[in-house]
Amino acid sequence: MRRQLFVVFLLAGCLPTLALAQPATWITPAGGENWTPGTSHTLAWSGGAPTVFGIAAYAVPGPAVWPISPQIANTGFVTWNLPSNLPAGSYILTIGFVGDTSYNSLPITISGAVPSCLVGCYLQSASTITSQGGFPPIGACGNTAQEALDAAAALVTAQLESQCGEGYSLDPGSIVIDTTLVPTGNCYAGFSGPFVAEASGFGCCCADAVSNEVQSWGSLKATYHR
């Protein structure tokens, strides 16, 4: 399915002839991904004209449109930081090229939400994508697709745990992590294999509970001194 981009050139009243480039093919997302608002993901494609006119997410059946990137050089990738207020639903990503046409991805699903932290807790986020949005992304690798996905999720979980300060622990019930296979990338030290996965997510660091032993000893002392 293609969405035609209408580009008007007013040059002496003439519309220049523009050659079509190699058709673009979406690599990531491949279709069927389930992503969470507020997380980050690499969008990757091959082909297309030299300059990207724009990338956007279209709600299905519509009519909402969420811009992702303005006009950029065709590097074959961009990092999408999903808005935290992106409504749940089905979306199709569209990439358009200057002087060419536009190409749609297969549908993806936006669901879930950033966890709401309880009193005494605070929210942390983590990602395997480089802070500069570079590509190939740095992620976790594995000998199978599932092994890479599991390793990426474990890596982000460890990053979240490391951000909890002294006296705080990561609440297991608050963890929300998205994992995605990417076509190529660099691996963190200690990982190897032909499959690469990136991950991004959230978690709540909550204050450690007061030890029951301490409470019991306090009650015992109070009783003893009566």
C-alpha atoms as a PDB file:
ATOM      1  CA  MET A   1       0.000   0.000   0.000  1.00  0.00           C
ATOM      2  CA  ARG A   2       1.368   3.388  -0.968  1.00  0.00           C
ATOM      3  CA  ARG A   3       0.426   6.887   0.072  1.00  0.00           C
ATOM      4  CA  GLN A   4       1.151   9.410  -2.696  1.00  0.00           C
ATOM      5  CA  LEU A   5       3.018  12.562  -1.683  1.00  0.00           C
ATOM      6  CA  PHE A   6       2.105  15.636  -3.694  1.00  0.00           C
ATOM      7  CA  VAL A   7       5.125  17.931  -4.095  1.00  0.00           C
ATOM      8  CA  VAL A   8       4.480  21.089  -6.103  1.00  0.00           C
ATOM      9  CA  PHE A   9       7.391  22.868  -7.761  1.00  0.00           C
ATOM     10  CA  LEU A  10       6.640  26.372  -9.016  1.00  0.00           C
ATOM     11  CA  LEU A  11       9.541  26.955 -11.372  1.00  0.00           C
ATOM     12  CA  ALA A  12       8.487  29.232 -14.244  1.00  0.00           C
ATOM     13  CA  GLY A  13       5.144  27.444 -14.228  1.00  0.00           C
ATOM     14  CA  CYS A  14       6.751  24.102 -15.097  1.00  0.00           C
ATOM     15  CA  LEU A  15       6.698  20.812 -13.191  1.00  0.00           C
ATOM     16  CA  PRO A  16      10.150  19.180 -13.512  1.00  0.00           C
ATOM     17  CA  THR A  17      10.482  15.534 -14.410  1.00  0.00           C
ATOM     18  CA  LEU A  18      11.703  13.554 -11.371  1.00  0.00           C
ATOM     19  CA  ALA A  19      13.042  10.026 -11.717  1.00  0.00           C
ATOM     20  CA  LEU A  20      11.774   7.479  -9.212  1.00  0.00           C
ATOM     21  CA  ALA A  21      14.408   5.947  -6.953  1.00  0.00           C
ATOM     22  CA  GLN A  22      14.744   2.348  -5.842  1.00  0.00           C
ATOM     23  CA  PRO A  23      11.554   1.405  -3.953  1.00  0.00           C
ATOM     24  CA  ALA A  24      11.917   1.522  -0.190  1.00  0.00           C
ATOM     25  CA  THR A  25      11.419  -1.543   1.986  1.00  0.00           C
ATOM     26  CA  TRP A  26      10.765  -1.377   5.717  1.00  0.00           C
ATOM     27  CA  ILE A  27      13.125  -3.526   7.818  1.00  0.00           C
ATOM     28  CA  THR A  28      12.167  -2.404  11.317  1.00  0.00           C
ATOM     29  CA  PRO A  29       9.350  -2.563  12.166  1.00  0.00           C
ATOM     30  CA  ALA A  30       8.673  -5.792  10.340  1.00  0.00           C
ATOM     31  CA  GLY A  31       5.022  -5.705  11.370  1.00  0.00           C
ATOM     32  CA  GLY A  32       3.344  -7.116  14.457  1.00  0.00           C
ATOM     33  CA  GLU A  33       5.550  -5.292  16.997  1.00  0.00           C
ATOM     34  CA  ASN A  34       3.915  -4.230  20.257  1.00  0.00           C
ATOM     35  CA  TRP A  35       5.502  -1.036  21.586  1.00  0.00           C
ATOM     36  CA  THR A  36       4.858   1.113  24.650  1.00  0.00           C
ATOM     37  CA  PRO A  37       4.468   4.919  24.704  1.00  0.00           C
ATOM     38  CA  GLY A  38       7.601   6.603  26.022  1.00  0.00           C
ATOM     39  CA  THR A  39      10.044   3.935  24.826  1.00  0.00           C
ATOM     40  CA  SER A  40      12.591   4.334  21.995  1.00  0.00           C
ATOM     41  CA  HIS A  41      13.011   2.199  18.896  1.00  0.00           C
ATOM     42  CA  THR A  42      15.144   2.153  15.765  1.00  0.00           C
ATOM     43  CA  LEU A  43      13.238   2.469  12.481  1.00  0.00           C
ATOM     44  CA  ALA A  44      15.217   1.017   9.563  1.00  0.00           C
ATOM     45  CA  TRP A  45      14.581   0.683   5.839  1.00  0.00           C
ATOM     46  CA  SER A  46      16.419   0.089   2.577  1.00  0.00           C
ATOM     47  CA  GLY A  47      16.132   1.861  -0.767  1.00  0.00           C
ATOM     48  CA  GLY A  48      14.318   5.069  -1.569  1.00  0.00           C
ATOM     49  CA  ALA A  49      15.372   8.467  -2.908  1.00  0.00           C
ATOM     50  CA  PRO A  50      18.377  10.375  -1.454  1.00  0.00           C
ATOM     51  CA  THR A  51      16.261  12.664   0.728  1.00  0.00           C
ATOM     52  CA  VAL A  52      13.495  11.660   3.122  1.00  0.00           C
ATOM     53  CA  PHE A  53      10.545  14.061   2.966  1.00  0.00           C
ATOM     54  CA  GLY A  54       9.110  12.892   6.260  1.00  0.00           C
ATOM     55  CA  ILE A  55       8.194   9.918   8.440  1.00  0.00           C
ATOM     56  CA  ALA A  56       4.927   9.648  10.334  1.00  0.00           C
ATOM     57  CA  ALA A  57       2.761   7.194  12.243  1.00  0.00           C
ATOM     58  CA  TYR A  58      -0.829   6.902  11.048  1.00  0.00           C
ATOM     59  CA  ALA A  59      -3.473   5.565  13.401  1.00  0.00           C
ATOM     60  CA  VAL A  60      -5.603   2.795  11.896  1.00  0.00           C
ATOM     61  CA  PRO A  61      -8.354   3.519  10.942  1.00  0.00           C
ATOM     62  CA  GLY A  62      -7.340   7.137  11.579  1.00  0.00           C
ATOM     63  CA  PRO A  63      -7.485  10.058  11.411  1.00  0.00           C
ATOM     64  CA  ALA A  64      -4.647  10.816  13.862  1.00  0.00           C
ATOM     65  CA  VAL A  65      -1.175  11.421  12.396  1.00  0.00           C
ATOM     66  CA  TRP A  66       1.956  11.573  14.593  1.00  0.00           C
ATOM     67  CA  PRO A  67       5.059  13.092  12.916  1.00  0.00           C
ATOM     68  CA  ILE A  68       8.274  11.145  13.604  1.00  0.00           C
ATOM     69  CA  SER A  69      10.969  12.929  11.619  1.00  0.00           C
ATOM     70  CA  PRO A  70      11.140  15.959   9.299  1.00  0.00           C
ATOM     71  CA  GLN A  71      13.170  16.104   6.081  1.00  0.00           C
ATOM     72  CA  ILE A  72      16.496  14.278   6.511  1.00  0.00           C
ATOM     73  CA  ALA A  73      19.125  12.585   4.380  1.00  0.00           C
ATOM     74  CA  ASN A  74      18.318   8.976   3.554  1.00  0.00           C
ATOM     75  CA  THR A  75      20.623   7.177   5.990  1.00  0.00           C
ATOM     76  CA  GLY A  76      18.324   4.163   6.184  1.00  0.00           C
ATOM     77  CA  PHE A  77      17.483   4.623   9.854  1.00  0.00           C
ATOM     78  CA  VAL A  78      16.122   6.972  12.491  1.00  0.00           C
ATOM     79  CA  THR A  79      15.395   6.621  16.205  1.00  0.00           C
ATOM     80  CA  TRP A  80      11.738   7.087  17.174  1.00  0.00           C
ATOM     81  CA  ASN A  81      11.164   8.277  20.717  1.00  0.00           C
ATOM     82  CA  LEU A  82       7.513   7.353  21.098  1.00  0.00           C
ATOM     83  CA  PRO A  83       5.528  10.165  22.774  1.00  0.00           C
ATOM     84  CA  SER A  84       4.385   9.284  26.277  1.00  0.00           C
ATOM     85  CA  ASN A  85       0.856  10.401  25.334  1.00  0.00           C
ATOM     86  CA  LEU A  86       0.654   8.281  22.159  1.00  0.00           C
ATOM     87  CA  PRO A  87      -2.819   6.663  22.262  1.00  0.00           C
ATOM     88  CA  ALA A  88      -3.076   2.886  22.232  1.00  0.00           C
ATOM     89  CA  GLY A  89      -4.118   1.308  18.958  1.00  0.00           C
ATOM     90  CA  SER A  90      -2.919   0.050  15.596  1.00  0.00           C
ATOM     91  CA  TYR A  91      -0.511   2.194  13.567  1.00  0.00           C
ATOM     92  CA  ILE A  92       1.149   2.152  10.150  1.00  0.00           C
ATOM     93  CA  LEU A  93       4.454   3.975   9.671  1.00  0.00           C
ATOM     94  CA  THR A  94       4.898   5.850   6.396  1.00  0.00           C
ATOM     95  CA  ILE A  95       8.138   7.150   4.908  1.00  0.00           C
ATOM     96  CA  GLY A  96       8.067   9.584   1.974  1.00  0.00           C
ATOM     97  CA  PHE A  97      10.858  10.716  -0.318  1.00  0.00           C
ATOM     98  CA  VAL A  98      11.343  14.041  -2.099  1.00  0.00           C
ATOM     99  CA  GLY A  99      10.319  13.647  -5.727  1.00  0.00           C
ATOM    100  CA  ASP A 100       9.342  10.005  -5.170  1.00  0.00           C
ATOM    101  CA  THR A 101       6.455   8.314  -3.462  1.00  0.00           C
ATOM    102  CA  SER A 102       5.795   7.018   0.041  1.00  0.00           C
ATOM    103  CA  TYR A 103       5.950   3.519   1.473  1.00  0.00           C
ATOM    104  CA  ASN A 104       3.987   2.010   4.341  1.00  0.00           C
ATOM    105  CA  SER A 105       5.074  -0.469   6.987  1.00  0.00           C
ATOM    106  CA  LEU A 106       2.948  -3.364   8.101  1.00  0.00           C
ATOM    107  CA  PRO A 107       0.759  -2.513  11.116  1.00  0.00           C
ATOM    108  CA  ILE A 108       2.232  -2.326  14.601  1.00  0.00           C
ATOM    109  CA  THR A 109       0.426  -2.072  17.928  1.00  0.00           C
ATOM    110  CA  ILE A 110       0.874   0.622  20.554  1.00  0.00           C
ATOM    111  CA  SER A 111      -0.261  -0.608  23.951  1.00  0.00           C
ATOM    112  CA  GLY A 112       0.689  -0.615  27.581  1.00  0.00           C
ATOM    113  CA  ALA A 113       1.650   2.480  29.499  1.00  0.00           C
ATOM    114  CA  VAL A 114       4.426   3.961  31.581  1.00  0.00           C
ATOM    115  CA  PRO A 115       3.993   2.439  35.067  1.00  0.00           C
ATOM    116  CA  SER A 116       2.492   4.595  37.803  1.00  0.00           C
ATOM    117  CA  CYS A 117       4.806   4.491  40.806  1.00  0.00           C
ATOM    118  CA  LEU A 118       3.372   4.115  44.280  1.00  0.00           C
ATOM    119  CA  VAL A 119       4.138   6.411  47.202  1.00  0.00           C
ATOM    120  CA  GLY A 120       7.771   5.945  48.206  1.00  0.00           C
ATOM    121  CA  CYS A 121       8.794   4.979  44.661  1.00  0.00           C
ATOM    122  CA  TYR A 122      10.303   6.828  41.712  1.00  0.00           C
ATOM    123  CA  LEU A 123      10.399   6.057  37.992  1.00  0.00           C
ATOM    124  CA  GLN A 124      13.537   5.109  36.054  1.00  0.00           C
ATOM    125  CA  SER A 125      14.032   4.443  32.338  1.00  0.00           C
ATOM    126  CA  ALA A 126      16.724   2.552  30.439  1.00  0.00           C
ATOM    127  CA  SER A 127      17.503   1.618  26.838  1.00  0.00           C
ATOM    128  CA  THR A 128      20.111  -0.222  24.790  1.00  0.00           C
ATOM    129  CA  ILE A 129      19.899   2.458  22.067  1.00  0.00           C
ATOM    130  CA  THR A 130      22.785   4.927  22.156  1.00  0.00           C
ATOM    131  CA  SER A 131      21.959   8.344  23.584  1.00  0.00           C
ATOM    132  CA  GLN A 132      22.900   9.982  20.280  1.00  0.00           C
ATOM    133  CA  GLY A 133      20.420   7.818  18.408  1.00  0.00           C
ATOM    134  CA  GLY A 134      23.245   6.219  16.462  1.00  0.00           C
ATOM    135  CA  PHE A 135      22.911   3.189  14.214  1.00  0.00           C
ATOM    136  CA  PRO A 136      23.696   0.374  14.238  1.00  0.00           C
ATOM    137  CA  PRO A 137      22.283   0.325  17.755  1.00  0.00           C
ATOM    138  CA  ILE A 138      24.190  -1.188  20.623  1.00  0.00           C
ATOM    139  CA  GLY A 139      22.174  -4.105  21.917  1.00  0.00           C
ATOM    140  CA  ALA A 140      22.358  -7.684  23.044  1.00  0.00           C
ATOM    141  CA  CYS A 141      23.176 -10.595  20.743  1.00  0.00           C
ATOM    142  CA  GLY A 142      22.283 -14.270  20.755  1.00  0.00           C
ATOM    143  CA  ASN A 143      22.534 -17.449  18.727  1.00  0.00           C
ATOM    144  CA  THR A 144      18.740 -17.402  18.232  1.00  0.00           C
ATOM    145  CA  ALA A 145      16.251 -14.566  17.912  1.00  0.00           C
ATOM    146  CA  GLN A 146      14.643 -15.389  21.254  1.00  0.00           C
ATOM    147  CA  GLU A 147      18.020 -15.583  22.969  1.00  0.00           C
ATOM    148  CA  ALA A 148      18.858 -12.074  21.743  1.00  0.00           C
ATOM    149  CA  LEU A 149      15.459 -10.706  22.835  1.00  0.00           C
ATOM    150  CA  ASP A 150      15.781 -12.276  26.291  1.00  0.00           C
ATOM    151  CA  ALA A 151      19.326 -10.928  26.671  1.00  0.00           C
ATOM    152  CA  ALA A 152      18.238  -7.399  25.685  1.00  0.00           C
ATOM    153  CA  ALA A 153      15.403  -7.474  28.228  1.00  0.00           C
ATOM    154  CA  ALA A 154      17.752  -8.732  30.943  1.00  0.00           C
ATOM    155  CA  LEU A 155      20.243  -5.998  30.070  1.00  0.00           C
ATOM    156  CA  VAL A 156      17.659  -3.222  30.461  1.00  0.00           C
ATOM    157  CA  THR A 157      16.391  -4.773  33.698  1.00  0.00           C
ATOM    158  CA  ALA A 158      19.935  -4.735  35.084  1.00  0.00           C
ATOM    159  CA  GLN A 159      20.296  -1.087  34.036  1.00  0.00           C
ATOM    160  CA  LEU A 160      17.083  -0.195  35.856  1.00  0.00           C
ATOM    161  CA  GLU A 161      18.204  -2.034  38.993  1.00  0.00           C
ATOM    162  CA  SER A 162      21.552  -0.229  38.959  1.00  0.00           C
ATOM    163  CA  GLN A 163      19.762   3.133  39.035  1.00  0.00           C
ATOM    164  CA  CYS A 164      17.941   2.398  42.292  1.00  0.00           C
ATOM    165  CA  GLY A 165      19.703   4.272  45.078  1.00  0.00           C
ATOM    166  CA  GLU A 166      20.709   2.879  48.455  1.00  0.00           C
ATOM    167  CA  GLY A 167      17.637   1.786  50.386  1.00  0.00           C
ATOM    168  CA  TYR A 168      15.597   1.301  47.181  1.00  0.00           C
ATOM    169  CA  SER A 169      14.889  -1.806  45.102  1.00  0.00           C
ATOM    170  CA  LEU A 170      13.358  -2.283  41.658  1.00  0.00           C
ATOM    171  CA  ASP A 171       9.702  -3.312  41.939  1.00  0.00           C
ATOM    172  CA  PRO A 172       9.365  -6.428  39.706  1.00  0.00           C
ATOM    173  CA  GLY A 173       5.677  -5.715  39.107  1.00  0.00           C
ATOM    174  CA  SER A 174       6.408  -2.277  37.648  1.00  0.00           C
ATOM    175  CA  ILE A 175       8.808  -3.297  34.884  1.00  0.00           C
ATOM    176  CA  VAL A 176       7.643  -2.520  31.321  1.00  0.00           C
ATOM    177  CA  ILE A 177      10.143  -3.459  28.598  1.00  0.00           C
ATOM    178  CA  ASP A 178       9.837  -3.540  24.801  1.00  0.00           C
ATOM    179  CA  THR A 179      12.273  -5.677  22.819  1.00  0.00           C
ATOM    180  CA  THR A 180      12.815  -5.602  19.048  1.00  0.00           C
ATOM    181  CA  LEU A 181      15.094  -7.488  16.681  1.00  0.00           C
ATOM    182  CA  VAL A 182      17.149  -5.177  14.453  1.00  0.00           C
ATOM    183  CA  PRO A 183      18.876  -6.048  11.163  1.00  0.00           C
ATOM    184  CA  THR A 184      22.402  -5.285  12.335  1.00  0.00           C
ATOM    185  CA  GLY A 185      24.185  -3.718  15.251  1.00  0.00           C
ATOM    186  CA  ASN A 186      26.975  -3.755  17.794  1.00  0.00           C
ATOM    187  CA  CYS A 187      26.880  -5.928  20.895  1.00  0.00           C
ATOM    188  CA  TYR A 188      27.617  -5.025  24.469  1.00  0.00           C
ATOM    189  CA  ALA A 189      30.676  -6.768  25.873  1.00  0.00           C
ATOM    190  CA  GLY A 190      29.949 -10.342  26.840  1.00  0.00           C
ATOM    191  CA  PHE A 191      27.347 -10.933  24.129  1.00  0.00           C
ATOM    192  CA  SER A 192      27.793 -12.750  20.834  1.00  0.00           C
ATOM    193  CA  GLY A 193      25.725 -14.342  18.102  1.00  0.00           C
ATOM    194  CA  PRO A 194      24.180 -13.489  14.711  1.00  0.00           C
ATOM    195  CA  PHE A 195      20.922 -12.022  16.101  1.00  0.00           C
ATOM    196  CA  VAL A 196      20.795  -8.495  17.543  1.00  0.00           C
ATOM    197  CA  ALA A 197      18.002  -7.081  19.700  1.00  0.00           C
ATOM    198  CA  GLU A 198      17.426  -3.691  21.269  1.00  0.00           C
ATOM    199  CA  ALA A 199      15.295  -2.946  24.312  1.00  0.00           C
ATOM    200  CA  SER A 200      13.809   0.054  26.080  1.00  0.00           C
ATOM    201  CA  GLY A 201      11.722   0.239  29.230  1.00  0.00           C
ATOM    202  CA  PHE A 202      10.716   1.589  32.622  1.00  0.00           C
ATOM    203  CA  GLY A 203      10.613   0.481  36.218  1.00  0.00           C
ATOM    204  CA  CYS A 204       9.875   1.866  39.683  1.00  0.00           C
ATOM    205  CA  CYS A 205      12.508   2.016  42.404  1.00  0.00           C
ATOM    206  CA  CYS A 206      10.720   1.614  45.747  1.00  0.00           C
ATOM    207  CA  ALA A 207      11.951   2.155  49.288  1.00  0.00           C
ATOM    208  CA  ASP A 208      12.975  -1.064  51.019  1.00  0.00           C
ATOM    209  CA  ALA A 209      10.518  -2.286  53.635  1.00  0.00           C
ATOM    210  CA  VAL A 210      11.539  -1.996  57.288  1.00  0.00           C
ATOM    211  CA  SER A 211      12.823  -5.313  58.549  1.00  0.00           C
ATOM    212  CA  ASN A 212      10.347  -7.346  60.613  1.00  0.00           C
ATOM    213  CA  GLU A 213      13.173  -8.363  62.947  1.00  0.00           C
ATOM    214  CA  VAL A 214      13.866  -4.737  63.856  1.00  0.00           C
ATOM    215  CA  GLN A 215      10.198  -4.098  64.559  1.00  0.00           C
ATOM    216  CA  SER A 216       9.946  -7.217  66.726  1.00  0.00           C
ATOM    217  CA  TRP A 217      13.045  -6.283  68.751  1.00  0.00           C
ATOM    218  CA  GLY A 218      11.632  -2.823  69.385  1.00  0.00           C
ATOM    219  CA  SER A 219       8.389  -4.303  70.675  1.00  0.00           C
ATOM    220  CA  LEU A 220      10.312  -6.737  72.879  1.00  0.00           C
ATOM    221  CA  LYS A 221      12.354  -3.932  74.493  1.00  0.00           C
ATOM    222  CA  ALA A 222       9.234  -1.905  75.176  1.00  0.00           C
ATOM    223  CA  THR A 223       7.635  -4.886  76.912  1.00  0.00           C
ATOM    224  CA  TYR A 224      10.780  -5.736  78.923  1.00  0.00           C
ATOM    225  CA  HIS A 225      11.113  -2.224  80.406  1.00  0.00           C
ATOM    226  CA  ARG A 226       7.533  -1.952  81.630  1.00  0.00           C
END
